[in-house]
């Protein structure tokens, strides 16, 4: 493991220490995770979806489902 000296504003360090303590981790671990995410290679190929999924997405766009109605549907379906 290598060391990396950083210059960071004191207020930022205090907030980061509180954040790390709430998550039972260290600032070093947080910085390492952040740098790991930043340095990963970008995915250059766009994700493709099947024509059927694209059609369903278009048909369902703007439709909302009430959670209670969904549970009632499931109760009727699995009686």
N, C-alpha and C. Protein backbone atom coordinates (compact mmCIF):
# COMPACT_ATOMS: atom_id res chain seq x y z
N UNK A 1 0.85 -1.16 0.00
CA UNK A 1 0.00 0.00 0.00
C UNK A 1 0.90 1.23 0.00
N UNK A 2 0.56 2.21 -0.79
CA UNK A 2 1.32 3.45 -0.90
C UNK A 2 0.64 4.57 -0.13
N UNK A 3 1.43 5.53 0.28
CA UNK A 3 0.89 6.72 0.95
C UNK A 3 0.72 7.83 -0.07
N UNK A 4 -0.28 8.67 0.17
CA UNK A 4 -0.58 9.77 -0.72
C UNK A 4 -0.85 11.02 0.12
N UNK A 5 0.11 11.93 0.22
CA UNK A 5 -0.13 13.14 1.01
C UNK A 5 -1.15 14.04 0.30
N UNK A 6 -2.12 14.52 1.05
CA UNK A 6 -3.16 15.39 0.49
C UNK A 6 -3.27 16.65 1.32
N UNK A 7 -3.66 17.74 0.69
CA UNK A 7 -3.98 18.97 1.40
C UNK A 7 -5.48 19.17 1.29
N UNK A 8 -6.16 19.17 2.44
CA UNK A 8 -7.61 19.27 2.46
C UNK A 8 -8.02 20.29 3.51
N UNK A 9 -9.04 21.08 3.20
CA UNK A 9 -9.57 22.07 4.12
C UNK A 9 -9.98 21.40 5.44
N UNK A 10 -9.72 22.07 6.56
CA UNK A 10 -10.01 21.52 7.88
C UNK A 10 -11.47 21.18 8.09
N UNK A 11 -12.37 22.03 7.60
CA UNK A 11 -13.81 21.76 7.75
C UNK A 11 -14.21 20.50 6.99
N UNK A 12 -13.61 20.31 5.84
CA UNK A 12 -13.91 19.11 5.04
C UNK A 12 -13.42 17.87 5.79
N UNK A 13 -12.25 17.96 6.40
CA UNK A 13 -11.71 16.82 7.15
C UNK A 13 -12.62 16.47 8.32
N UNK A 14 -13.10 17.49 9.05
CA UNK A 14 -13.99 17.23 10.20
C UNK A 14 -15.27 16.54 9.75
N UNK A 15 -15.86 17.04 8.65
CA UNK A 15 -17.09 16.41 8.13
C UNK A 15 -16.81 14.99 7.66
N UNK A 16 -15.67 14.80 7.00
CA UNK A 16 -15.31 13.46 6.50
C UNK A 16 -15.11 12.49 7.65
N UNK A 17 -14.50 12.95 8.74
CA UNK A 17 -14.30 12.08 9.90
C UNK A 17 -15.63 11.65 10.50
N UNK A 18 -16.58 12.59 10.60
CA UNK A 18 -17.91 12.23 11.12
C UNK A 18 -18.60 11.24 10.19
N UNK A 19 -18.51 11.51 8.89
CA UNK A 19 -19.12 10.62 7.89
C UNK A 19 -18.53 9.21 8.00
N UNK A 20 -17.20 9.12 8.08
CA UNK A 20 -16.53 7.82 8.16
C UNK A 20 -16.90 7.11 9.46
N UNK A 21 -16.97 7.84 10.56
CA UNK A 21 -17.31 7.22 11.85
C UNK A 21 -18.73 6.64 11.82
N UNK A 22 -19.66 7.36 11.21
CA UNK A 22 -21.04 6.85 11.12
C UNK A 22 -21.11 5.57 10.30
N UNK A 23 -20.17 5.38 9.41
CA UNK A 23 -20.17 4.19 8.55
C UNK A 23 -19.12 3.17 8.98
N UNK A 24 -18.56 3.37 10.14
CA UNK A 24 -17.56 2.44 10.71
C UNK A 24 -16.44 2.15 9.72
N UNK A 25 -15.90 3.20 9.13
CA UNK A 25 -14.80 3.06 8.19
C UNK A 25 -13.79 4.18 8.45
N UNK A 26 -12.78 4.24 7.64
CA UNK A 26 -11.76 5.29 7.79
C UNK A 26 -11.80 6.23 6.59
N UNK A 27 -11.23 7.40 6.78
CA UNK A 27 -11.14 8.34 5.67
C UNK A 27 -10.28 7.74 4.56
N UNK A 28 -9.22 7.03 4.94
CA UNK A 28 -8.37 6.40 3.93
C UNK A 28 -9.17 5.43 3.07
N UNK A 29 -10.03 4.64 3.71
CA UNK A 29 -10.85 3.69 2.94
C UNK A 29 -11.82 4.43 2.03
N UNK A 30 -12.41 5.52 2.52
CA UNK A 30 -13.32 6.31 1.68
C UNK A 30 -12.61 6.89 0.47
N UNK A 31 -11.43 7.46 0.69
CA UNK A 31 -10.66 8.04 -0.41
C UNK A 31 -10.27 6.95 -1.40
N UNK A 32 -9.83 5.80 -0.90
CA UNK A 32 -9.44 4.72 -1.79
C UNK A 32 -10.62 4.27 -2.65
N UNK A 33 -11.81 4.11 -2.03
CA UNK A 33 -12.99 3.69 -2.79
C UNK A 33 -13.34 4.73 -3.86
N UNK A 34 -13.26 6.01 -3.47
CA UNK A 34 -13.57 7.08 -4.41
C UNK A 34 -12.60 7.10 -5.59
N UNK A 35 -11.31 7.00 -5.29
CA UNK A 35 -10.31 7.00 -6.36
C UNK A 35 -10.44 5.77 -7.24
N UNK A 36 -10.81 4.65 -6.63
CA UNK A 36 -11.02 3.43 -7.41
C UNK A 36 -12.17 3.62 -8.40
N UNK A 37 -13.26 4.22 -7.93
CA UNK A 37 -14.39 4.46 -8.83
C UNK A 37 -14.03 5.44 -9.95
N UNK A 38 -13.28 6.48 -9.60
CA UNK A 38 -12.89 7.47 -10.62
C UNK A 38 -11.95 6.90 -11.67
N UNK A 39 -11.11 5.97 -11.25
CA UNK A 39 -10.06 5.51 -12.16
C UNK A 39 -10.45 4.28 -12.97
N UNK A 40 -11.65 3.76 -12.76
CA UNK A 40 -12.06 2.59 -13.55
C UNK A 40 -12.28 3.00 -15.00
N UNK A 41 -11.95 2.10 -15.91
CA UNK A 41 -12.16 2.44 -17.34
C UNK A 41 -13.66 2.58 -17.63
N UNK A 42 -13.97 3.55 -18.48
CA UNK A 42 -15.36 3.76 -18.87
C UNK A 42 -15.82 2.63 -19.78
N UNK A 43 -17.08 2.32 -19.68
CA UNK A 43 -17.66 1.34 -20.60
C UNK A 43 -17.96 2.08 -21.89
N UNK A 44 -17.28 1.68 -22.96
CA UNK A 44 -17.43 2.41 -24.22
C UNK A 44 -18.62 1.91 -25.05
N UNK A 45 -19.03 0.68 -24.83
CA UNK A 45 -20.14 0.15 -25.60
C UNK A 45 -21.45 0.48 -24.90
N UNK A 46 -22.39 1.10 -25.61
CA UNK A 46 -23.68 1.38 -24.98
C UNK A 46 -24.44 0.09 -24.73
N UNK A 47 -25.19 0.06 -23.64
CA UNK A 47 -25.99 -1.12 -23.37
C UNK A 47 -27.13 -1.18 -24.37
N UNK A 48 -27.34 -2.35 -24.92
CA UNK A 48 -28.45 -2.50 -25.85
C UNK A 48 -29.54 -3.31 -25.17
N UNK A 49 -30.77 -2.96 -25.49
CA UNK A 49 -31.90 -3.71 -24.95
C UNK A 49 -32.61 -4.38 -26.10
N UNK A 50 -33.33 -5.43 -25.76
CA UNK A 50 -34.02 -6.17 -26.81
C UNK A 50 -35.16 -5.33 -27.38
N UNK A 51 -35.55 -5.61 -28.60
CA UNK A 51 -36.67 -4.87 -29.21
C UNK A 51 -37.95 -5.01 -28.38
N UNK A 52 -38.17 -6.18 -27.79
CA UNK A 52 -39.38 -6.38 -26.98
C UNK A 52 -39.37 -5.47 -25.76
N UNK A 53 -38.22 -5.37 -25.08
CA UNK A 53 -38.13 -4.50 -23.92
C UNK A 53 -38.30 -3.04 -24.32
N UNK A 54 -37.74 -2.64 -25.44
CA UNK A 54 -37.89 -1.27 -25.93
C UNK A 54 -39.35 -0.95 -26.19
N UNK A 55 -40.07 -1.90 -26.79
CA UNK A 55 -41.50 -1.70 -27.07
C UNK A 55 -42.29 -1.58 -25.78
N UNK A 56 -41.99 -2.46 -24.80
CA UNK A 56 -42.70 -2.41 -23.53
C UNK A 56 -42.43 -1.10 -22.79
N UNK A 57 -41.19 -0.65 -22.82
CA UNK A 57 -40.86 0.62 -22.17
C UNK A 57 -41.67 1.76 -22.79
N UNK A 58 -41.77 1.75 -24.10
CA UNK A 58 -42.52 2.81 -24.79
C UNK A 58 -44.00 2.75 -24.43
N UNK A 59 -44.56 1.54 -24.35
CA UNK A 59 -45.98 1.39 -24.04
C UNK A 59 -46.28 1.78 -22.60
N UNK A 60 -45.38 1.52 -21.68
CA UNK A 60 -45.61 1.76 -20.26
C UNK A 60 -45.15 3.14 -19.80
N UNK A 61 -44.55 3.91 -20.67
CA UNK A 61 -44.05 5.24 -20.28
C UNK A 61 -45.21 6.10 -19.76
N UNK A 62 -45.01 6.66 -18.59
CA UNK A 62 -46.02 7.54 -18.00
C UNK A 62 -47.07 6.83 -17.17
N UNK A 63 -47.07 5.52 -17.15
CA UNK A 63 -48.05 4.77 -16.37
C UNK A 63 -47.49 4.54 -14.98
N UNK A 64 -48.31 4.84 -13.98
CA UNK A 64 -47.90 4.59 -12.60
C UNK A 64 -48.77 3.49 -12.02
N UNK A 65 -48.20 2.72 -11.11
CA UNK A 65 -48.91 1.62 -10.48
C UNK A 65 -48.97 1.89 -8.99
N UNK A 66 -50.17 1.82 -8.44
CA UNK A 66 -50.35 2.00 -7.01
C UNK A 66 -49.97 0.69 -6.31
N UNK A 67 -49.18 0.79 -5.26
CA UNK A 67 -48.69 -0.41 -4.57
C UNK A 67 -49.84 -1.24 -3.99
N UNK A 68 -50.84 -0.57 -3.42
CA UNK A 68 -51.98 -1.30 -2.86
C UNK A 68 -52.73 -2.07 -3.94
N UNK A 69 -52.93 -1.44 -5.10
CA UNK A 69 -53.59 -2.13 -6.20
C UNK A 69 -52.80 -3.35 -6.64
N UNK A 70 -51.48 -3.24 -6.64
CA UNK A 70 -50.64 -4.37 -7.04
C UNK A 70 -50.78 -5.52 -6.06
N UNK A 71 -50.79 -5.23 -4.76
CA UNK A 71 -50.96 -6.29 -3.77
C UNK A 71 -52.33 -6.94 -3.87
N UNK A 72 -53.37 -6.14 -4.14
CA UNK A 72 -54.71 -6.71 -4.34
C UNK A 72 -54.72 -7.63 -5.55
N UNK A 73 -54.05 -7.22 -6.62
CA UNK A 73 -53.95 -8.06 -7.81
C UNK A 73 -53.28 -9.39 -7.48
N UNK A 74 -52.17 -9.32 -6.72
CA UNK A 74 -51.47 -10.56 -6.37
C UNK A 74 -52.31 -11.47 -5.49
N UNK A 75 -53.07 -10.88 -4.57
CA UNK A 75 -53.94 -11.69 -3.72
C UNK A 75 -54.99 -12.41 -4.55
N UNK A 76 -55.59 -11.71 -5.51
CA UNK A 76 -56.60 -12.34 -6.39
C UNK A 76 -55.95 -13.42 -7.25
N UNK A 77 -54.77 -13.14 -7.74
CA UNK A 77 -54.10 -14.07 -8.66
C UNK A 77 -53.71 -15.37 -7.96
N UNK A 78 -53.27 -15.30 -6.72
CA UNK A 78 -52.74 -16.48 -6.06
C UNK A 78 -53.67 -17.06 -4.99
N UNK A 79 -54.96 -16.87 -5.14
CA UNK A 79 -55.94 -17.50 -4.23
C UNK A 79 -56.09 -18.95 -4.53
